[in-house]
Amino acid sequence: MRITVSVDDKDIKEVMRLTGEDSKSAAVSAAVGQYLRHKKIEHIQQMVREGKVNYTTTNDEIEAMWND
């Protein structure tokens, strides 16, 4: 999907450096992907803290949780 956003030059250069991407578009895409992954990890951690995780869960079942 194409979008137009305004990002401070200093911030986009930092995002490019941290993601290792050479283009602004690729850096933003990588950053969004990393953000989503981080939020999913936080969600699973919360489920563990709340005792909602069944430790007999298989790897396939855990991976399926990522899509929820």
C-alpha atoms as a PDB file:
ATOM      1  CA  MET A   1       0.000   0.000   0.000  1.00  0.00           C
ATOM      2  CA  ARG A   2       1.282   3.462  -0.805  1.00  0.00           C
ATOM      3  CA  ILE A   3       0.930   6.263   1.720  1.00  0.00           C
ATOM      4  CA  THR A   4       2.392   9.696   2.191  1.00  0.00           C
ATOM      5  CA  VAL A   5       3.769  10.636   5.587  1.00  0.00           C
ATOM      6  CA  SER A   6       5.881  13.437   6.981  1.00  0.00           C
ATOM      7  CA  VAL A   7       8.862  12.250   8.999  1.00  0.00           C
ATOM      8  CA  ASP A   8      11.634  14.402  10.388  1.00  0.00           C
ATOM      9  CA  ASP A   9      14.835  13.965   8.333  1.00  0.00           C
ATOM     10  CA  LYS A  10      16.867  13.150  11.438  1.00  0.00           C
ATOM     11  CA  ASP A  11      14.356  10.483  12.485  1.00  0.00           C
ATOM     12  CA  ILE A  12      14.195   8.785   9.083  1.00  0.00           C
ATOM     13  CA  LYS A  13      18.004   8.678   8.896  1.00  0.00           C
ATOM     14  CA  GLU A  14      18.033   7.041  12.333  1.00  0.00           C
ATOM     15  CA  VAL A  15      15.400   4.523  11.216  1.00  0.00           C
ATOM     16  CA  MET A  16      17.478   3.754   8.122  1.00  0.00           C
ATOM     17  CA  ARG A  17      20.574   3.271  10.262  1.00  0.00           C
ATOM     18  CA  LEU A  18      18.808   1.036  12.795  1.00  0.00           C
ATOM     19  CA  THR A  19      17.064  -1.126  10.183  1.00  0.00           C
ATOM     20  CA  GLY A  20      20.078  -1.305   7.895  1.00  0.00           C
ATOM     21  CA  GLU A  21      17.924  -0.306   4.927  1.00  0.00           C
ATOM     22  CA  ASP A  22      19.226   1.960   2.150  1.00  0.00           C
ATOM     23  CA  SER A  23      15.927   3.501   1.121  1.00  0.00           C
ATOM     24  CA  LYS A  24      13.396   5.464   3.141  1.00  0.00           C
ATOM     25  CA  SER A  25      10.526   3.287   1.992  1.00  0.00           C
ATOM     26  CA  ALA A  26      12.273   0.043   2.913  1.00  0.00           C
ATOM     27  CA  ALA A  27      13.324   1.479   6.275  1.00  0.00           C
ATOM     28  CA  VAL A  28       9.785   2.552   7.152  1.00  0.00           C
ATOM     29  CA  SER A  29       8.412  -0.813   6.044  1.00  0.00           C
ATOM     30  CA  ALA A  30      11.003  -2.647   8.158  1.00  0.00           C
ATOM     31  CA  ALA A  31      10.300  -0.412  11.146  1.00  0.00           C
ATOM     32  CA  VAL A  32       6.565  -1.050  10.913  1.00  0.00           C
ATOM     33  CA  GLY A  33       7.191  -4.792  10.698  1.00  0.00           C
ATOM     34  CA  GLN A  34       9.482  -4.680  13.719  1.00  0.00           C
ATOM     35  CA  TYR A  35       6.945  -2.631  15.670  1.00  0.00           C
ATOM     36  CA  LEU A  36       4.188  -5.147  14.934  1.00  0.00           C
ATOM     37  CA  ARG A  37       6.435  -8.043  15.955  1.00  0.00           C
ATOM     38  CA  HIS A  38       7.266  -6.248  19.209  1.00  0.00           C
ATOM     39  CA  LYS A  39       3.581  -5.674  19.985  1.00  0.00           C
ATOM     40  CA  LYS A  40       2.789  -9.348  19.328  1.00  0.00           C
ATOM     41  CA  ILE A  41       5.584 -10.367  21.703  1.00  0.00           C
ATOM     42  CA  GLU A  42       4.177  -8.003  24.334  1.00  0.00           C
ATOM     43  CA  HIS A  43       0.750  -9.608  23.857  1.00  0.00           C
ATOM     44  CA  ILE A  44       2.134 -13.110  24.400  1.00  0.00           C
ATOM     45  CA  GLN A  45       4.064 -11.926  27.460  1.00  0.00           C
ATOM     46  CA  GLN A  46       0.850 -10.458  28.859  1.00  0.00           C
ATOM     47  CA  MET A  47      -0.951 -13.742  28.250  1.00  0.00           C
ATOM     48  CA  VAL A  48       1.823 -15.566  30.149  1.00  0.00           C
ATOM     49  CA  ARG A  49       1.582 -13.121  33.064  1.00  0.00           C
ATOM     50  CA  GLU A  50      -2.188 -13.620  33.193  1.00  0.00           C
ATOM     51  CA  GLY A  51      -1.820 -17.410  33.143  1.00  0.00           C
ATOM     52  CA  LYS A  52      -3.592 -17.711  29.802  1.00  0.00           C
ATOM     53  CA  VAL A  53      -0.784 -19.655  28.127  1.00  0.00           C
ATOM     54  CA  ASN A  54      -0.972 -23.429  28.061  1.00  0.00           C
ATOM     55  CA  TYR A  55       2.603 -24.648  28.311  1.00  0.00           C
ATOM     56  CA  THR A  56       1.740 -27.828  26.439  1.00  0.00           C
ATOM     57  CA  THR A  57       1.174 -25.660  23.374  1.00  0.00           C
ATOM     58  CA  THR A  58       3.031 -26.844  20.264  1.00  0.00           C
ATOM     59  CA  ASN A  59       5.230 -24.605  18.138  1.00  0.00           C
ATOM     60  CA  ASP A  60       2.598 -24.669  15.387  1.00  0.00           C
ATOM     61  CA  GLU A  61      -0.046 -23.466  17.835  1.00  0.00           C
ATOM     62  CA  ILE A  62       2.234 -20.697  19.110  1.00  0.00           C
ATOM     63  CA  GLU A  63       2.935 -19.563  15.550  1.00  0.00           C
ATOM     64  CA  ALA A  64      -0.818 -19.525  14.853  1.00  0.00           C
ATOM     65  CA  MET A  65      -1.203 -17.042  17.733  1.00  0.00           C
ATOM     66  CA  TRP A  66       0.921 -14.571  15.783  1.00  0.00           C
ATOM     67  CA  ASN A  67      -1.837 -14.310  13.192  1.00  0.00           C
ATOM     68  CA  ASP A  68      -4.526 -13.385  15.737  1.00  0.00           C
END
